[in-house]
N, C-alpha and C. Protein backbone atom coordinates (compact mmCIF):
# COMPACT_ATOMS: atom_id res chain seq x y z
N MET A 1 28.07 39.20 -40.85
CA MET A 1 28.62 38.04 -41.55
C MET A 1 27.70 36.88 -41.76
N ASP A 2 26.65 36.93 -40.97
CA ASP A 2 25.64 35.68 -41.17
C ASP A 2 25.09 35.68 -42.49
N ASN A 3 24.93 36.74 -43.22
CA ASN A 3 24.24 36.78 -44.39
C ASN A 3 25.22 36.35 -45.54
N ILE A 4 26.36 35.99 -45.34
CA ILE A 4 27.32 35.66 -46.43
C ILE A 4 26.60 34.42 -47.22
N GLY A 5 26.53 34.56 -48.48
CA GLY A 5 26.04 33.49 -49.28
C GLY A 5 24.56 33.31 -49.21
N LYS A 6 23.80 34.06 -48.52
CA LYS A 6 22.39 33.91 -48.51
C LYS A 6 21.70 34.48 -49.84
N ARG A 7 22.21 35.41 -50.43
CA ARG A 7 21.58 36.05 -51.61
C ARG A 7 22.29 35.51 -52.86
N ASP A 8 23.56 35.75 -53.02
CA ASP A 8 24.12 35.28 -54.24
C ASP A 8 24.91 34.02 -54.14
N LEU A 9 25.07 33.64 -53.16
CA LEU A 9 25.90 32.35 -52.72
C LEU A 9 27.35 32.41 -53.27
N SER A 10 27.97 33.54 -53.20
CA SER A 10 29.23 33.75 -53.56
C SER A 10 30.20 33.24 -52.50
N HIS A 11 29.89 33.00 -51.31
CA HIS A 11 30.70 32.27 -50.40
C HIS A 11 29.64 31.47 -49.43
N ILE A 12 30.18 30.37 -48.96
CA ILE A 12 29.30 29.51 -48.08
C ILE A 12 29.96 29.32 -46.76
N ARG A 13 29.08 29.57 -45.86
CA ARG A 13 29.49 29.40 -44.33
C ARG A 13 29.48 27.84 -44.02
N VAL A 14 30.64 27.43 -43.47
CA VAL A 14 30.80 26.05 -43.09
C VAL A 14 31.18 25.97 -41.59
N GLY A 15 30.27 25.32 -40.89
CA GLY A 15 30.54 25.39 -39.39
C GLY A 15 30.35 26.74 -38.75
N GLU A 16 30.96 26.96 -37.80
CA GLU A 16 30.86 28.23 -37.09
C GLU A 16 31.84 29.32 -37.44
N ASP A 17 32.99 28.86 -37.91
CA ASP A 17 34.11 29.88 -38.10
C ASP A 17 34.85 29.67 -39.51
N MET A 18 34.22 29.04 -40.60
CA MET A 18 34.86 29.01 -41.79
C MET A 18 34.03 29.46 -42.88
N VAL A 19 34.57 30.28 -43.93
CA VAL A 19 33.77 30.71 -45.10
C VAL A 19 34.58 30.26 -46.28
N TRP A 20 33.85 29.62 -47.24
CA TRP A 20 34.56 29.08 -48.56
C TRP A 20 33.97 29.70 -49.73
N PRO A 21 34.72 29.87 -50.67
CA PRO A 21 34.21 30.64 -51.87
C PRO A 21 33.40 29.47 -52.72
N ASN A 22 32.30 30.04 -53.35
CA ASN A 22 31.60 29.25 -54.32
C ASN A 22 31.98 29.83 -55.77
N LEU A 23 32.77 29.08 -56.41
CA LEU A 23 33.49 29.56 -57.58
C LEU A 23 32.62 29.25 -58.94
N GLY A 24 31.96 28.11 -58.81
CA GLY A 24 30.82 27.70 -59.78
C GLY A 24 31.13 28.08 -61.20
N ALA A 25 30.23 28.72 -61.77
CA ALA A 25 30.20 29.00 -63.22
C ALA A 25 31.27 29.95 -63.77
N ARG A 26 31.55 30.85 -62.64
CA ARG A 26 32.65 31.92 -62.96
C ARG A 26 33.89 31.08 -63.28
N LEU A 27 34.23 30.10 -62.44
CA LEU A 27 35.49 29.34 -62.69
C LEU A 27 35.40 28.44 -64.04
N ASN A 28 34.21 27.88 -64.20
CA ASN A 28 34.13 27.09 -65.45
C ASN A 28 34.45 28.01 -66.70
N ASP A 29 33.80 29.25 -66.74
CA ASP A 29 34.08 30.14 -67.84
C ASP A 29 35.46 30.57 -67.94
N LEU A 30 36.12 30.79 -66.88
CA LEU A 30 37.54 31.32 -66.81
C LEU A 30 38.46 30.14 -67.29
N GLU A 31 38.11 28.95 -66.84
CA GLU A 31 38.90 27.83 -67.31
C GLU A 31 38.81 27.60 -68.72
N TRP A 32 37.73 27.78 -69.32
CA TRP A 32 37.48 27.44 -70.70
C TRP A 32 38.18 28.61 -71.39
N ASN A 33 38.19 29.82 -71.12
CA ASN A 33 38.91 30.95 -71.78
C ASN A 33 40.31 30.66 -71.71
N LEU A 34 40.89 30.35 -70.53
CA LEU A 34 42.26 30.15 -70.49
C LEU A 34 42.82 28.95 -71.35
N ARG A 35 41.99 27.87 -71.53
CA ARG A 35 42.44 26.77 -72.24
C ARG A 35 42.10 27.01 -73.64
N HIS A 36 41.15 27.71 -74.14
CA HIS A 36 40.79 27.68 -75.57
C HIS A 36 40.78 28.93 -76.28
N ASN A 37 40.77 30.04 -75.64
CA ASN A 37 40.75 31.41 -76.14
C ASN A 37 42.10 32.07 -76.09
N LYS A 38 42.94 31.88 -77.10
CA LYS A 38 44.29 32.47 -77.02
C LYS A 38 44.41 34.04 -76.75
N ALA A 39 43.30 34.64 -77.46
CA ALA A 39 43.33 36.09 -77.26
C ALA A 39 42.76 36.61 -75.80
N TYR A 40 42.42 35.64 -74.86
CA TYR A 40 41.78 36.12 -73.70
C TYR A 40 42.80 36.74 -72.79
N THR A 41 42.39 37.87 -72.14
CA THR A 41 43.29 38.62 -71.17
C THR A 41 42.61 38.63 -69.83
N LEU A 42 43.49 38.31 -68.86
CA LEU A 42 43.00 38.23 -67.50
C LEU A 42 42.65 39.57 -66.92
N THR A 43 41.39 39.65 -66.60
CA THR A 43 40.96 40.96 -65.74
C THR A 43 41.29 40.89 -64.36
N ARG A 44 41.24 41.97 -63.58
CA ARG A 44 41.46 41.89 -62.13
C ARG A 44 40.44 41.03 -61.38
N GLU A 45 39.32 40.95 -61.86
CA GLU A 45 38.37 39.93 -61.22
C GLU A 45 38.90 38.56 -61.53
N ASP A 46 39.30 38.19 -62.70
CA ASP A 46 39.91 36.83 -62.94
C ASP A 46 41.00 36.61 -61.99
N GLN A 47 41.95 37.63 -61.84
CA GLN A 47 43.14 37.45 -60.86
C GLN A 47 42.64 37.08 -59.58
N LEU A 48 41.62 37.85 -59.05
CA LEU A 48 41.13 37.74 -57.77
C LEU A 48 40.46 36.19 -57.58
N LEU A 49 39.74 35.85 -58.57
CA LEU A 49 39.17 34.51 -58.60
C LEU A 49 40.22 33.43 -58.56
N LEU A 50 41.33 33.50 -59.38
CA LEU A 50 42.38 32.68 -59.30
C LEU A 50 43.11 32.67 -57.90
N ALA A 51 43.19 33.80 -57.22
CA ALA A 51 43.88 33.91 -55.93
C ALA A 51 42.96 33.26 -54.98
N THR A 52 41.63 33.33 -55.02
CA THR A 52 40.64 32.71 -54.11
C THR A 52 40.84 31.10 -54.25
N LEU A 53 40.71 30.75 -55.61
CA LEU A 53 41.03 29.32 -55.76
C LEU A 53 42.19 28.72 -55.18
N CYS A 54 43.26 29.40 -55.38
CA CYS A 54 44.66 28.91 -54.77
C CYS A 54 44.55 28.88 -53.31
N ASN A 55 43.90 29.84 -52.59
CA ASN A 55 43.85 29.88 -51.09
C ASN A 55 42.81 28.74 -50.71
N ALA A 56 41.75 28.56 -51.52
CA ALA A 56 40.88 27.44 -51.02
C ALA A 56 41.44 26.07 -51.22
N TYR A 57 42.19 25.79 -52.38
CA TYR A 57 43.19 24.66 -52.56
C TYR A 57 43.94 24.30 -51.44
N ARG A 58 44.86 25.48 -51.08
CA ARG A 58 45.84 25.26 -50.03
C ARG A 58 45.12 24.91 -48.72
N GLU A 59 44.00 25.46 -48.39
CA GLU A 59 43.45 25.24 -47.16
C GLU A 59 42.87 23.87 -47.16
N ILE A 60 42.07 23.39 -48.15
CA ILE A 60 41.46 22.05 -48.17
C ILE A 60 42.62 20.97 -48.15
N ILE A 61 43.67 21.15 -48.75
CA ILE A 61 44.75 20.19 -48.74
C ILE A 61 45.39 20.05 -47.38
N ALA A 62 45.42 21.11 -46.74
CA ALA A 62 46.05 21.27 -45.43
C ALA A 62 45.21 20.49 -44.20
N LYS A 63 43.90 20.21 -44.53
CA LYS A 63 42.93 19.77 -43.54
C LYS A 63 43.16 18.25 -43.54
N THR A 64 42.82 17.59 -42.43
CA THR A 64 42.72 16.28 -42.21
C THR A 64 41.51 15.74 -43.09
N ASN A 65 41.41 14.45 -43.23
CA ASN A 65 40.50 13.79 -44.04
C ASN A 65 39.20 13.98 -43.46
N ARG A 66 39.05 13.99 -42.10
CA ARG A 66 37.74 14.31 -41.44
C ARG A 66 37.29 15.73 -41.70
N GLU A 67 38.23 16.66 -41.46
CA GLU A 67 37.88 18.09 -41.61
C GLU A 67 37.46 18.24 -43.11
N ARG A 68 38.30 17.78 -44.11
CA ARG A 68 38.07 17.91 -45.57
C ARG A 68 36.76 17.38 -45.87
N ASN A 69 36.38 16.25 -45.42
CA ASN A 69 35.03 15.65 -45.64
C ASN A 69 33.88 16.35 -45.04
N PHE A 70 34.03 16.91 -43.87
CA PHE A 70 33.18 17.81 -43.21
C PHE A 70 32.85 19.13 -44.13
N VAL A 71 33.97 19.73 -44.55
CA VAL A 71 33.85 20.92 -45.45
C VAL A 71 33.12 20.75 -46.65
N CYS A 72 33.67 19.51 -47.41
CA CYS A 72 33.09 19.31 -48.71
C CYS A 72 31.62 18.87 -48.58
N ASN A 73 31.23 18.05 -47.62
CA ASN A 73 29.93 17.69 -47.52
C ASN A 73 28.89 18.85 -47.15
N ASP A 74 29.38 19.71 -46.35
CA ASP A 74 28.52 20.83 -45.94
C ASP A 74 28.37 21.84 -47.12
N ILE A 75 29.53 21.94 -47.94
CA ILE A 75 29.16 22.90 -49.04
C ILE A 75 28.39 22.20 -49.96
N LYS A 76 28.33 20.93 -50.33
CA LYS A 76 27.37 20.21 -51.18
C LYS A 76 26.08 20.31 -50.65
N ARG A 77 25.95 20.21 -49.40
CA ARG A 77 24.53 20.16 -48.76
C ARG A 77 23.97 21.63 -49.01
N LYS A 78 24.75 22.56 -48.66
CA LYS A 78 24.26 23.95 -48.88
C LYS A 78 23.99 24.35 -50.25
N LEU A 79 24.74 23.84 -51.31
CA LEU A 79 24.54 24.14 -52.70
C LEU A 79 23.22 23.44 -53.21
N LYS A 80 23.12 22.14 -52.73
CA LYS A 80 21.89 21.48 -53.06
C LYS A 80 20.59 22.30 -52.38
N GLN A 81 20.54 22.60 -51.25
CA GLN A 81 19.53 23.48 -50.73
C GLN A 81 19.31 24.56 -51.28
N HIS A 82 20.30 25.38 -51.70
CA HIS A 82 20.18 26.67 -52.44
C HIS A 82 19.62 26.46 -53.86
N TYR A 83 20.09 25.48 -54.65
CA TYR A 83 19.66 25.26 -56.06
C TYR A 83 18.28 24.50 -56.17
N TYR A 84 18.17 23.49 -55.26
CA TYR A 84 16.92 22.67 -55.37
C TYR A 84 15.73 23.01 -54.59
N GLU A 85 16.03 23.73 -53.43
CA GLU A 85 15.17 23.98 -52.44
C GLU A 85 14.88 25.59 -52.31
N GLY A 86 15.77 26.29 -52.91
CA GLY A 86 15.64 27.82 -52.96
C GLY A 86 15.98 28.48 -51.46
N ARG A 87 16.69 27.72 -50.83
CA ARG A 87 17.14 28.37 -49.37
C ARG A 87 18.50 27.82 -49.17
N ILE A 88 19.10 28.50 -48.27
CA ILE A 88 20.43 28.13 -47.69
C ILE A 88 20.51 28.49 -46.25
N GLN A 89 21.11 27.70 -45.31
CA GLN A 89 21.22 27.99 -43.95
C GLN A 89 22.60 28.26 -43.69
């Protein structure tokens, strides 16, 4: 489980006991298609992506401000490390 997100960064480990999805470009593409492409049909992958988004939203809303800030700041830090420094911890 320690390797989650180290290769493709599909998930990001936060703290010792949390893993959050990195929806990134996949979510941007899906959002655009849902808004602008009337002929777009949801795939099973799209459905799972939306389910992941719903779960992440529900979890982040349920957290206290302190917990939410910790999660958001850690995710931002790790994304920055991954994209700008080529590594993630």
